[in-house]
Amino acid sequence: MAESKKLTVDVVNASGNKVSTVDLNSKIFGVKVNNHAIYEAVKLYNANKRQATAKTKKRSEVSGGGKKPWRQKGTGRARAGSTRSPIWVGGGTVFGPKGVQNFKLDQNRKAYDLALRSSLSLKANNGLIVLEDIKAKKSKEVAKLMKALKVTKGLIVVDKANKELVLATNNIKSIKLVDVAHINVYDVMNANHLLMTSKALKALEEVR
């Protein structure tokens, strides 16, 4: 089998200036994009985030209704036994959500790996920024970095997130920070730019 070709990208510092170059493994950043695999992975992410909090009350759970609304005969109206009936306003709900719905989906590992490699390949073509390192400790430092790199909505991937950097990025809604172990298709596709440190890039290529 022929050796995989490598893509070369610039490595920049906090000011956005080129300091070196790095080779990207084409097995990760140069695969043929599979849009359907990406779609399935994003759908999986959103479905598994859903919580079964929707619940309606059945007639046995609705308050009131202990007394018969009117006598059985002689009123000219239809018979009614309880105001808890589903046909009454404020009555119980038939076939409503019970609060135990399961929205979980699954995707086999090979399909998900293909989706992740496809999303990374898309960003490698347009939107990948390799950082020499990121040492920001405050939100204003992260904001300054994003301005220097002209990033409006980005995903920062580091080899290991430290507490200071986590706190510094939490206050910026347009930026999300993850470590290599938790990178996922949704976050990659949801960001306009993918920012990876050199160490994170190396760690990703080792695990993938």
N, C-alpha and C. Protein backbone atom coordinates (compact mmCIF):
# COMPACT_ATOMS: atom_id res chain seq x y z
N MET A 1 0.86 -1.20 0.00
CA MET A 1 0.00 0.00 0.00
C MET A 1 0.89 1.24 0.00
N ALA A 2 0.54 2.19 -0.84
CA ALA A 2 1.34 3.42 -0.95
C ALA A 2 1.24 4.23 0.33
N GLU A 3 2.29 4.91 0.67
CA GLU A 3 2.30 5.74 1.87
C GLU A 3 1.37 6.93 1.67
N SER A 4 0.59 7.26 2.74
CA SER A 4 -0.37 8.35 2.66
C SER A 4 0.34 9.69 2.51
N LYS A 5 -0.17 10.50 1.64
CA LYS A 5 0.39 11.83 1.45
C LYS A 5 0.02 12.71 2.64
N LYS A 6 0.83 13.71 2.90
CA LYS A 6 0.57 14.60 4.03
C LYS A 6 0.28 16.01 3.54
N LEU A 7 -0.59 16.67 4.27
CA LEU A 7 -0.92 18.06 3.99
C LEU A 7 -0.10 18.93 4.93
N THR A 8 0.37 20.05 4.43
CA THR A 8 1.19 20.95 5.24
C THR A 8 0.44 22.24 5.53
N VAL A 9 0.40 22.62 6.80
CA VAL A 9 -0.25 23.87 7.21
C VAL A 9 0.70 24.67 8.07
N ASP A 10 0.42 25.96 8.19
CA ASP A 10 1.25 26.85 9.00
C ASP A 10 0.91 26.70 10.48
N VAL A 11 1.91 26.87 11.30
CA VAL A 11 1.72 26.95 12.75
C VAL A 11 1.91 28.41 13.13
N VAL A 12 0.94 28.98 13.84
CA VAL A 12 0.98 30.41 14.16
C VAL A 12 1.08 30.61 15.66
N ASN A 13 1.56 31.79 16.05
CA ASN A 13 1.63 32.13 17.47
C ASN A 13 0.40 32.92 17.87
N ALA A 14 0.40 33.44 19.09
CA ALA A 14 -0.77 34.16 19.62
C ALA A 14 -1.08 35.43 18.85
N SER A 15 -0.11 35.95 18.11
CA SER A 15 -0.33 37.17 17.32
C SER A 15 -0.80 36.86 15.90
N GLY A 16 -0.86 35.58 15.57
CA GLY A 16 -1.29 35.19 14.24
C GLY A 16 -0.16 35.11 13.24
N ASN A 17 1.07 35.22 13.71
CA ASN A 17 2.23 35.18 12.82
C ASN A 17 2.76 33.75 12.67
N LYS A 18 3.16 33.41 11.46
CA LYS A 18 3.67 32.08 11.18
C LYS A 18 5.01 31.87 11.88
N VAL A 19 5.13 30.72 12.55
CA VAL A 19 6.38 30.40 13.23
C VAL A 19 7.01 29.12 12.67
N SER A 20 6.19 28.27 12.07
CA SER A 20 6.70 27.03 11.47
C SER A 20 5.59 26.40 10.64
N THR A 21 5.83 25.20 10.19
CA THR A 21 4.80 24.43 9.47
C THR A 21 4.70 23.05 10.09
N VAL A 22 3.59 22.38 9.82
CA VAL A 22 3.38 21.04 10.35
C VAL A 22 2.66 20.21 9.30
N ASP A 23 2.99 18.92 9.25
CA ASP A 23 2.34 18.00 8.32
C ASP A 23 1.11 17.38 8.97
N LEU A 24 0.01 17.37 8.22
CA LEU A 24 -1.22 16.73 8.68
C LEU A 24 -1.32 15.34 8.07
N ASN A 25 -1.71 14.40 8.85
CA ASN A 25 -1.90 13.04 8.36
C ASN A 25 -3.15 12.99 7.50
N SER A 26 -2.98 12.61 6.25
CA SER A 26 -4.12 12.60 5.31
C SER A 26 -5.15 11.53 5.66
N LYS A 27 -4.77 10.56 6.51
CA LYS A 27 -5.74 9.56 6.95
C LYS A 27 -6.75 10.14 7.91
N ILE A 28 -6.41 11.31 8.47
CA ILE A 28 -7.31 11.99 9.39
C ILE A 28 -7.87 13.26 8.78
N PHE A 29 -7.01 14.04 8.13
CA PHE A 29 -7.40 15.35 7.62
C PHE A 29 -7.55 15.39 6.10
N GLY A 30 -7.40 14.25 5.44
CA GLY A 30 -7.48 14.27 3.98
C GLY A 30 -8.34 13.16 3.41
N VAL A 31 -9.36 12.73 4.17
CA VAL A 31 -10.22 11.65 3.67
C VAL A 31 -11.33 12.22 2.79
N LYS A 32 -11.94 11.33 2.01
CA LYS A 32 -13.08 11.74 1.19
C LYS A 32 -14.26 12.00 2.13
N VAL A 33 -14.83 13.18 2.06
CA VAL A 33 -15.88 13.58 2.99
C VAL A 33 -17.15 12.77 2.76
N ASN A 34 -17.65 12.19 3.84
CA ASN A 34 -18.91 11.44 3.80
C ASN A 34 -19.96 12.27 4.55
N ASN A 35 -20.78 12.99 3.79
CA ASN A 35 -21.76 13.89 4.40
C ASN A 35 -22.82 13.15 5.19
N HIS A 36 -23.18 11.96 4.73
CA HIS A 36 -24.23 11.21 5.45
C HIS A 36 -23.73 10.76 6.82
N ALA A 37 -22.48 10.35 6.90
CA ALA A 37 -21.91 9.95 8.19
C ALA A 37 -21.88 11.14 9.15
N ILE A 38 -21.55 12.31 8.62
CA ILE A 38 -21.55 13.53 9.45
C ILE A 38 -22.96 13.83 9.94
N TYR A 39 -23.93 13.72 9.04
CA TYR A 39 -25.34 13.96 9.40
C TYR A 39 -25.78 13.02 10.51
N GLU A 40 -25.45 11.74 10.39
CA GLU A 40 -25.84 10.76 11.40
C GLU A 40 -25.17 11.06 12.74
N ALA A 41 -23.93 11.49 12.71
CA ALA A 41 -23.20 11.78 13.95
C ALA A 41 -23.77 13.02 14.64
N VAL A 42 -24.14 14.04 13.87
CA VAL A 42 -24.74 15.24 14.45
C VAL A 42 -26.12 14.93 15.02
N LYS A 43 -26.89 14.12 14.30
CA LYS A 43 -28.21 13.72 14.78
C LYS A 43 -28.08 12.91 16.08
N LEU A 44 -27.08 12.04 16.13
CA LEU A 44 -26.80 11.26 17.33
C LEU A 44 -26.50 12.16 18.52
N TYR A 45 -25.65 13.16 18.29
CA TYR A 45 -25.26 14.08 19.36
C TYR A 45 -26.48 14.82 19.91
N ASN A 46 -27.29 15.36 19.02
CA ASN A 46 -28.46 16.13 19.45
C ASN A 46 -29.50 15.25 20.14
N ALA A 47 -29.70 14.04 19.63
CA ALA A 47 -30.68 13.14 20.22
C ALA A 47 -30.26 12.71 21.62
N ASN A 48 -28.98 12.42 21.79
CA ASN A 48 -28.50 11.95 23.09
C ASN A 48 -28.41 13.06 24.13
N LYS A 49 -28.53 14.31 23.69
CA LYS A 49 -28.57 15.43 24.62
C LYS A 49 -29.98 15.64 25.18
N ARG A 50 -30.98 15.10 24.48
CA ARG A 50 -32.36 15.35 24.88
C ARG A 50 -32.67 14.69 26.22
N GLN A 51 -33.44 15.39 27.03
CA GLN A 51 -33.86 14.85 28.32
C GLN A 51 -35.36 14.61 28.28
N ALA A 52 -35.79 13.51 28.87
CA ALA A 52 -37.21 13.17 28.86
C ALA A 52 -37.95 13.93 29.96
N THR A 53 -38.03 15.25 29.80
CA THR A 53 -38.66 16.08 30.83
C THR A 53 -40.13 16.37 30.52
N ALA A 54 -40.56 16.13 29.28
CA ALA A 54 -41.95 16.41 28.92
C ALA A 54 -42.86 15.36 29.55
N LYS A 55 -43.87 15.83 30.25
CA LYS A 55 -44.82 14.91 30.88
C LYS A 55 -46.17 15.58 31.03
N THR A 56 -47.22 14.84 30.73
CA THR A 56 -48.59 15.33 30.93
C THR A 56 -49.28 14.47 31.98
N LYS A 57 -50.32 14.99 32.59
CA LYS A 57 -51.04 14.26 33.63
C LYS A 57 -52.17 13.41 33.03
N LYS A 58 -52.25 12.18 33.49
CA LYS A 58 -53.37 11.33 33.13
C LYS A 58 -54.56 11.68 34.02
N ARG A 59 -55.71 11.11 33.71
CA ARG A 59 -56.91 11.50 34.46
C ARG A 59 -56.78 11.14 35.94
N SER A 60 -55.98 10.13 36.25
CA SER A 60 -55.81 9.75 37.65
C SER A 60 -54.91 10.73 38.40
N GLU A 61 -54.20 11.60 37.67
CA GLU A 61 -53.27 12.53 38.30
C GLU A 61 -53.82 13.96 38.36
N VAL A 62 -54.93 14.22 37.66
CA VAL A 62 -55.51 15.56 37.64
C VAL A 62 -56.30 15.78 38.93
N SER A 63 -56.17 16.98 39.48
CA SER A 63 -56.89 17.29 40.72
C SER A 63 -58.37 17.54 40.44
N GLY A 64 -59.19 17.37 41.48
CA GLY A 64 -60.62 17.59 41.34
C GLY A 64 -61.34 16.41 40.72
N GLY A 65 -62.58 16.62 40.36
CA GLY A 65 -63.35 15.59 39.67
C GLY A 65 -63.94 14.54 40.57
N GLY A 66 -63.90 14.77 41.87
CA GLY A 66 -64.45 13.75 42.78
C GLY A 66 -65.97 13.70 42.78
N LYS A 67 -66.58 14.82 42.45
CA LYS A 67 -68.04 14.90 42.46
C LYS A 67 -68.57 14.86 41.03
N LYS A 68 -69.65 14.15 40.83
CA LYS A 68 -70.29 14.09 39.51
C LYS A 68 -70.77 15.48 39.15
N PRO A 69 -70.42 15.97 37.94
CA PRO A 69 -70.76 17.36 37.57
C PRO A 69 -72.26 17.68 37.65
N TRP A 70 -73.08 16.78 37.22
CA TRP A 70 -74.55 16.94 37.29
C TRP A 70 -75.19 15.56 37.35
N ARG A 71 -76.47 15.54 37.64
CA ARG A 71 -77.14 14.25 37.77
C ARG A 71 -77.18 13.52 36.44
N GLN A 72 -77.38 12.22 36.52
CA GLN A 72 -77.25 11.37 35.35
C GLN A 72 -78.29 11.69 34.29
N LYS A 73 -79.52 11.92 34.71
CA LYS A 73 -80.62 12.11 33.74
C LYS A 73 -81.39 13.39 34.02
N GLY A 74 -82.11 13.82 33.00
CA GLY A 74 -83.05 14.91 33.19
C GLY A 74 -82.52 16.29 32.89
N THR A 75 -81.23 16.43 32.59
CA THR A 75 -80.69 17.77 32.34
C THR A 75 -80.67 18.12 30.85
N GLY A 76 -80.81 17.12 30.00
CA GLY A 76 -80.72 17.36 28.55
C GLY A 76 -79.28 17.36 28.04
N ARG A 77 -78.37 17.23 28.95
CA ARG A 77 -76.96 17.20 28.57
C ARG A 77 -76.43 15.77 28.57
N ALA A 78 -75.28 15.59 27.92
CA ALA A 78 -74.67 14.27 27.88
C ALA A 78 -74.24 13.86 29.29
N ARG A 79 -74.21 12.56 29.51
CA ARG A 79 -73.79 12.05 30.80
C ARG A 79 -72.33 12.43 31.08
N ALA A 80 -72.05 12.77 32.32
CA ALA A 80 -70.68 13.12 32.70
C ALA A 80 -70.43 12.58 34.10
N GLY A 81 -69.32 11.85 34.23
CA GLY A 81 -69.03 11.26 35.53
C GLY A 81 -67.97 12.01 36.31
N SER A 82 -67.06 12.72 35.59
CA SER A 82 -65.97 13.41 36.28
C SER A 82 -65.38 14.48 35.38
N THR A 83 -64.95 15.56 35.99
CA THR A 83 -64.29 16.63 35.22
C THR A 83 -62.86 16.25 34.88
N ARG A 84 -62.42 15.09 35.36
CA ARG A 84 -61.09 14.60 35.00
C ARG A 84 -61.07 13.94 33.62
N SER A 85 -62.21 13.76 33.05
CA SER A 85 -62.30 13.11 31.74
C SER A 85 -61.47 13.86 30.69
N PRO A 86 -60.82 13.16 29.80
CA PRO A 86 -59.99 13.81 28.76
C PRO A 86 -60.75 14.76 27.84
N ILE A 87 -62.08 14.61 27.79
CA ILE A 87 -62.84 15.49 26.89
C ILE A 87 -63.17 16.83 27.55
N TRP A 88 -62.85 16.94 28.81
CA TRP A 88 -63.07 18.20 29.52
C TRP A 88 -61.81 19.06 29.50
N VAL A 89 -62.03 20.37 29.44
CA VAL A 89 -60.90 21.29 29.56
C VAL A 89 -60.33 21.17 30.98
N GLY A 90 -59.04 20.94 31.06
CA GLY A 90 -58.42 20.75 32.37
C GLY A 90 -58.43 19.32 32.83
N GLY A 91 -58.98 18.44 31.98
CA GLY A 91 -59.00 17.02 32.32
C GLY A 91 -57.67 16.36 32.00
N GLY A 92 -57.62 15.06 32.20
CA GLY A 92 -56.40 14.31 31.94
C GLY A 92 -56.11 14.22 30.45
N THR A 93 -54.87 13.87 30.14
CA THR A 93 -54.44 13.74 28.75
C THR A 93 -54.27 12.27 28.40
N VAL A 94 -54.76 11.91 27.23
CA VAL A 94 -54.63 10.53 26.76
C VAL A 94 -53.40 10.41 25.86
N PHE A 95 -52.60 9.39 26.07
CA PHE A 95 -51.41 9.11 25.26
C PHE A 95 -50.39 10.26 25.23
N GLY A 96 -50.34 11.04 26.29
CA GLY A 96 -49.35 12.12 26.37
C GLY A 96 -48.00 11.58 26.82
N PRO A 97 -46.94 12.39 26.74
CA PRO A 97 -45.61 11.95 27.18
C PRO A 97 -45.62 11.64 28.67
N LYS A 98 -44.90 10.60 29.06
CA LYS A 98 -44.92 10.13 30.44
C LYS A 98 -43.68 10.54 31.23
N GLY A 99 -42.72 11.16 30.55
CA GLY A 99 -41.49 11.55 31.24
C GLY A 99 -40.45 10.46 31.29
N VAL A 100 -40.68 9.38 30.56
CA VAL A 100 -39.71 8.27 30.53
C VAL A 100 -39.32 7.96 29.08
N GLN A 101 -39.48 8.93 28.19
CA GLN A 101 -39.14 8.70 26.79
C GLN A 101 -37.64 8.46 26.64
N ASN A 102 -37.29 7.66 25.69
CA ASN A 102 -35.88 7.36 25.42
C ASN A 102 -35.54 7.83 24.01
N PHE A 103 -34.73 8.87 23.92
CA PHE A 103 -34.36 9.43 22.63
C PHE A 103 -32.98 8.99 22.17
N LYS A 104 -32.36 8.09 22.92
CA LYS A 104 -30.99 7.69 22.63
C LYS A 104 -30.85 7.02 21.26
N LEU A 105 -29.81 7.40 20.54
CA LEU A 105 -29.48 6.78 19.27
C LEU A 105 -28.08 6.20 19.36
N ASP A 106 -27.73 5.38 18.39
CA ASP A 106 -26.42 4.75 18.39
C ASP A 106 -25.84 4.78 16.98
N GLN A 107 -24.55 4.80 16.89
CA GLN A 107 -23.84 4.77 15.62
C GLN A 107 -22.59 3.91 15.81
N ASN A 108 -22.36 2.98 14.92
CA ASN A 108 -21.21 2.10 15.13
C ASN A 108 -19.90 2.90 15.05
N ARG A 109 -18.88 2.34 15.67
CA ARG A 109 -17.62 3.06 15.84
C ARG A 109 -16.97 3.42 14.51
N LYS A 110 -17.01 2.53 13.54
CA LYS A 110 -16.38 2.82 12.26
C LYS A 110 -17.08 3.98 11.56
N ALA A 111 -18.41 4.01 11.63
CA ALA A 111 -19.17 5.10 11.00
C ALA A 111 -18.88 6.42 11.69
N TYR A 112 -18.77 6.39 13.04
CA TYR A 112 -18.49 7.63 13.76
C TYR A 112 -17.07 8.12 13.47
N ASP A 113 -16.12 7.20 13.41
CA ASP A 113 -14.74 7.59 13.08
C ASP A 113 -14.68 8.22 11.69
N LEU A 114 -15.45 7.66 10.76
CA LEU A 114 -15.50 8.23 9.41
C LEU A 114 -16.09 9.63 9.45
N ALA A 115 -17.13 9.81 10.26
CA ALA A 115 -17.76 11.13 10.39
C ALA A 115 -16.80 12.15 10.97
N LEU A 116 -16.04 11.74 11.99
CA LEU A 116 -15.08 12.66 12.62
C LEU A 116 -13.96 13.01 11.66
N ARG A 117 -13.44 12.02 10.96
CA ARG A 117 -12.38 12.29 9.99
C ARG A 117 -12.89 13.17 8.85
N SER A 118 -14.15 12.96 8.46
CA SER A 118 -14.74 13.78 7.39
C SER A 118 -14.87 15.23 7.84
N SER A 119 -15.32 15.43 9.07
CA SER A 119 -15.48 16.79 9.58
C SER A 119 -14.12 17.49 9.74
N LEU A 120 -13.12 16.75 10.19
CA LEU A 120 -11.78 17.31 10.32
C LEU A 120 -11.18 17.63 8.95
N SER A 121 -11.49 16.80 7.95
CA SER A 121 -11.00 17.04 6.59
C SER A 121 -11.63 18.31 6.01
N LEU A 122 -12.91 18.53 6.32
CA LEU A 122 -13.57 19.76 5.87
C LEU A 122 -12.89 20.98 6.47
N LYS A 123 -12.58 20.91 7.76
CA LYS A 123 -11.93 22.04 8.42
C LYS A 123 -10.49 22.22 7.94
N ALA A 124 -9.82 21.12 7.57
CA ALA A 124 -8.45 21.22 7.08
C ALA A 124 -8.41 22.00 5.77
N ASN A 125 -9.47 21.87 4.99
CA ASN A 125 -9.55 22.60 3.72
C ASN A 125 -9.89 24.07 3.92
N ASN A 126 -10.65 24.33 4.97
CA ASN A 126 -11.08 25.72 5.20
C ASN A 126 -11.51 25.89 6.65
N GLY A 127 -10.62 26.41 7.48
CA GLY A 127 -11.02 26.70 8.85
C GLY A 127 -10.12 26.14 9.93
N LEU A 128 -9.07 25.41 9.56
CA LEU A 128 -8.15 24.86 10.56
C LEU A 128 -7.01 25.84 10.85
N ILE A 129 -6.79 26.10 12.13
CA ILE A 129 -5.68 26.94 12.57
C ILE A 129 -4.88 26.16 13.60
N VAL A 130 -3.60 25.96 13.32
CA VAL A 130 -2.73 25.25 14.26
C VAL A 130 -1.96 26.28 15.07
N LEU A 131 -2.13 26.22 16.38
CA LEU A 131 -1.48 27.17 17.27
C LEU A 131 -0.21 26.58 17.86
N GLU A 132 0.81 27.40 17.98
CA GLU A 132 2.05 26.97 18.61
C GLU A 132 1.76 26.54 20.04
N ASP A 133 0.95 27.32 20.72
CA ASP A 133 0.52 27.02 22.09
C ASP A 133 -0.52 28.06 22.47
N ILE A 134 -1.27 27.80 23.52
CA ILE A 134 -2.21 28.79 24.03
C ILE A 134 -2.04 28.87 25.54
N LYS A 135 -1.63 30.05 26.00
CA LYS A 135 -1.31 30.22 27.42
C LYS A 135 -2.21 31.26 28.08
N ALA A 136 -3.34 31.58 27.45
CA ALA A 136 -4.24 32.59 27.99
C ALA A 136 -4.80 32.14 29.34
N LYS A 137 -4.86 33.09 30.28
CA LYS A 137 -5.38 32.80 31.61
C LYS A 137 -6.63 33.62 31.93
N LYS A 138 -6.91 34.60 31.07
CA LYS A 138 -8.07 35.45 31.29
C LYS A 138 -8.89 35.55 30.01
N SER A 139 -10.17 35.88 30.18
CA SER A 139 -11.07 35.96 29.04
C SER A 139 -10.63 37.01 28.04
N LYS A 140 -10.11 38.14 28.54
CA LYS A 140 -9.68 39.20 27.63
C LYS A 140 -8.48 38.76 26.79
N GLU A 141 -7.67 37.86 27.34
CA GLU A 141 -6.53 37.33 26.58
C GLU A 141 -7.01 36.40 25.47
N VAL A 142 -8.03 35.59 25.78
CA VAL A 142 -8.62 34.71 24.76
C VAL A 142 -9.29 35.54 23.67
N ALA A 143 -10.01 36.59 24.09
CA ALA A 143 -10.68 37.48 23.12
C ALA A 143 -9.66 38.16 22.22
N LYS A 144 -8.54 38.56 22.78
CA LYS A 144 -7.48 39.20 22.00
C LYS A 144 -6.90 38.22 20.99
N LEU A 145 -6.73 36.97 21.41
CA LEU A 145 -6.22 35.93 20.51
C LEU A 145 -7.18 35.69 19.35
N MET A 146 -8.48 35.62 19.67
CA MET A 146 -9.48 35.38 18.62
C MET A 146 -9.53 36.54 17.62
N LYS A 147 -9.33 37.75 18.13
CA LYS A 147 -9.33 38.92 17.25
C LYS A 147 -8.11 38.90 16.34
N ALA A 148 -6.97 38.51 16.89
CA ALA A 148 -5.74 38.45 16.09
C ALA A 148 -5.84 37.39 14.99
N LEU A 149 -6.56 36.31 15.29
CA LEU A 149 -6.70 35.22 14.32
C LEU A 149 -7.94 35.38 13.44
N LYS A 150 -8.73 36.44 13.71
CA LYS A 150 -9.96 36.74 12.97
C LYS A 150 -10.96 35.59 13.06
N VAL A 151 -11.12 35.09 14.29
CA VAL A 151 -12.05 33.99 14.55
C VAL A 151 -13.29 34.55 15.23
N THR A 152 -14.45 34.29 14.67
CA THR A 152 -15.70 34.76 15.25
C THR A 152 -16.42 33.67 16.03
N LYS A 153 -16.29 32.43 15.59
CA LYS A 153 -16.91 31.29 16.27
C LYS A 153 -15.97 30.10 16.15
N GLY A 154 -15.33 29.73 17.24
CA GLY A 154 -14.29 28.72 17.14
C GLY A 154 -14.35 27.62 18.17
N LEU A 155 -13.72 26.52 17.83
CA LEU A 155 -13.54 25.40 18.75
C LEU A 155 -12.04 25.26 19.02
N ILE A 156 -11.65 25.40 20.27
CA ILE A 156 -10.25 25.26 20.65
C ILE A 156 -10.02 23.85 21.18
N VAL A 157 -9.07 23.17 20.59
CA VAL A 157 -8.74 21.80 21.02
C VAL A 157 -7.32 21.79 21.58
N VAL A 158 -7.20 21.34 22.82
CA VAL A 158 -5.90 21.25 23.47
C VAL A 158 -5.64 19.80 23.88
N ASP A 159 -4.38 19.50 24.16
CA ASP A 159 -4.07 18.12 24.57
C ASP A 159 -4.63 17.83 25.95
N LYS A 160 -4.59 18.84 26.83
CA LYS A 160 -5.15 18.69 28.16
C LYS A 160 -5.56 20.07 28.67
N ALA A 161 -6.84 20.23 28.97
CA ALA A 161 -7.35 21.54 29.40
C ALA A 161 -7.00 21.79 30.86
N ASN A 162 -6.44 22.97 31.13
CA ASN A 162 -6.17 23.35 32.52
C ASN A 162 -7.29 24.26 33.03
N LYS A 163 -7.39 24.37 34.33
CA LYS A 163 -8.49 25.10 34.96
C LYS A 163 -8.53 26.56 34.52
N GLU A 164 -7.38 27.19 34.43
CA GLU A 164 -7.33 28.62 34.07
C GLU A 164 -7.87 28.85 32.67
N LEU A 165 -7.50 27.99 31.72
CA LEU A 165 -7.97 28.15 30.36
C LEU A 165 -9.46 27.86 30.25
N VAL A 166 -9.93 26.89 31.02
CA VAL A 166 -11.37 26.57 31.03
C VAL A 166 -12.17 27.78 31.50
N LEU A 167 -11.72 28.40 32.58
CA LEU A 167 -12.42 29.58 33.11
C LEU A 167 -12.32 30.76 32.14
N ALA A 168 -11.20 30.88 31.47
CA ALA A 168 -11.00 32.00 30.54
C ALA A 168 -11.91 31.89 29.32
N THR A 169 -12.20 30.68 28.89
CA THR A 169 -13.04 30.49 27.69
C THR A 169 -14.52 30.39 28.02
N ASN A 170 -14.86 30.07 29.26
CA ASN A 170 -16.26 29.90 29.63
C ASN A 170 -17.08 31.16 29.45
N ASN A 171 -16.44 32.32 29.59
CA ASN A 171 -17.17 33.59 29.51
C ASN A 171 -17.36 34.08 28.08
N ILE A 172 -16.82 33.35 27.10
CA ILE A 172 -16.95 33.76 25.71
C ILE A 172 -17.86 32.77 24.99
N LYS A 173 -19.07 33.20 24.69
CA LYS A 173 -20.07 32.29 24.13
C LYS A 173 -19.69 31.75 22.76
N SER A 174 -18.93 32.51 22.01
CA SER A 174 -18.59 32.09 20.65
C SER A 174 -17.42 31.12 20.59
N ILE A 175 -16.86 30.79 21.76
CA ILE A 175 -15.69 29.91 21.83
C ILE A 175 -16.00 28.71 22.72
N LYS A 176 -15.60 27.53 22.28
CA LYS A 176 -15.73 26.33 23.11
C LYS A 176 -14.37 25.66 23.21
N LEU A 177 -14.06 25.18 24.40
CA LEU A 177 -12.78 24.52 24.64
C LEU A 177 -13.01 23.04 24.95
N VAL A 178 -12.28 22.17 24.27
CA VAL A 178 -12.32 20.73 24.56
C VAL A 178 -10.90 20.17 24.51
N ASP A 179 -10.71 19.03 25.15
CA ASP A 179 -9.43 18.36 24.99
C ASP A 179 -9.58 17.29 23.91
N VAL A 180 -8.48 16.73 23.49
CA VAL A 180 -8.50 15.78 22.37
C VAL A 180 -9.43 14.61 22.63
N ALA A 181 -9.49 14.15 23.86
CA ALA A 181 -10.30 12.98 24.19
C ALA A 181 -11.78 13.22 24.01
N HIS A 182 -12.20 14.50 24.01
CA HIS A 182 -13.63 14.81 23.94
C HIS A 182 -14.02 15.57 22.66
N ILE A 183 -13.17 15.56 21.67
CA ILE A 183 -13.52 16.21 20.41
C ILE A 183 -14.62 15.39 19.74
N ASN A 184 -15.62 16.07 19.18
CA ASN A 184 -16.73 15.36 18.55
C ASN A 184 -17.16 16.06 17.26
N VAL A 185 -17.92 15.35 16.46
CA VAL A 185 -18.32 15.84 15.14
C VAL A 185 -19.16 17.10 15.24
N TYR A 186 -20.10 17.13 16.18
CA TYR A 186 -21.00 18.28 16.30
C TYR A 186 -20.22 19.57 16.56
N ASP A 187 -19.31 19.53 17.54
CA ASP A 187 -18.53 20.73 17.88
C ASP A 187 -17.66 21.19 16.71
N VAL A 188 -17.08 20.23 16.00
CA VAL A 188 -16.23 20.58 14.86
C VAL A 188 -17.07 21.26 13.77
N MET A 189 -18.23 20.70 13.48
CA MET A 189 -19.08 21.25 12.42
C MET A 189 -19.76 22.55 12.85
N ASN A 190 -19.97 22.72 14.15
CA ASN A 190 -20.67 23.90 14.65
C ASN A 190 -19.77 25.13 14.69
N ALA A 191 -18.46 24.93 14.60
CA ALA A 191 -17.51 26.04 14.66
C ALA A 191 -17.10 26.50 13.27
N ASN A 192 -16.88 27.78 13.13
CA ASN A 192 -16.38 28.32 11.86
C ASN A 192 -14.89 28.02 11.71
N HIS A 193 -14.18 27.99 12.84
CA HIS A 193 -12.75 27.71 12.82
C HIS A 193 -12.42 26.66 13.87
N LEU A 194 -11.53 25.77 13.51
CA LEU A 194 -11.01 24.77 14.43
C LEU A 194 -9.59 25.14 14.79
N LEU A 195 -9.37 25.46 16.06
CA LEU A 195 -8.05 25.86 16.53
C LEU A 195 -7.44 24.72 17.34
N MET A 196 -6.32 24.21 16.90
CA MET A 196 -5.66 23.11 17.59
C MET A 196 -4.23 23.49 17.94
N THR A 197 -3.82 23.18 19.15
CA THR A 197 -2.43 23.40 19.51
C THR A 197 -1.58 22.30 18.88
N SER A 198 -0.31 22.54 18.75
CA SER A 198 0.59 21.54 18.17
C SER A 198 0.56 20.23 18.95
N LYS A 199 0.51 20.34 20.28
CA LYS A 199 0.46 19.14 21.12
C LYS A 199 -0.85 18.38 20.92
N ALA A 200 -1.95 19.12 20.77
CA ALA A 200 -3.25 18.49 20.56
C ALA A 200 -3.28 17.77 19.22
N LEU A 201 -2.68 18.40 18.21
CA LEU A 201 -2.62 17.79 16.89
C LEU A 201 -1.84 16.47 16.93
N LYS A 202 -0.73 16.49 17.64
CA LYS A 202 0.09 15.29 17.76
C LYS A 202 -0.66 14.20 18.52
N ALA A 203 -1.35 14.60 19.59
CA ALA A 203 -2.11 13.63 20.40
C ALA A 203 -3.26 13.03 19.60
N LEU A 204 -3.91 13.85 18.77
CA LEU A 204 -5.02 13.37 17.95
C LEU A 204 -4.53 12.33 16.95
N GLU A 205 -3.41 12.59 16.33
CA GLU A 205 -2.88 11.66 15.33
C GLU A 205 -2.40 10.36 15.98
N GLU A 206 -2.06 10.42 17.25
CA GLU A 206 -1.64 9.21 17.96
C GLU A 206 -2.82 8.32 18.30
N VAL A 207 -3.95 8.93 18.65
CA VAL A 207 -5.11 8.13 19.07
C VAL A 207 -5.98 7.74 17.89
N ARG A 208 -5.84 8.43 16.77
CA ARG A 208 -6.67 8.14 15.61
C ARG A 208 -5.86 7.38 14.55
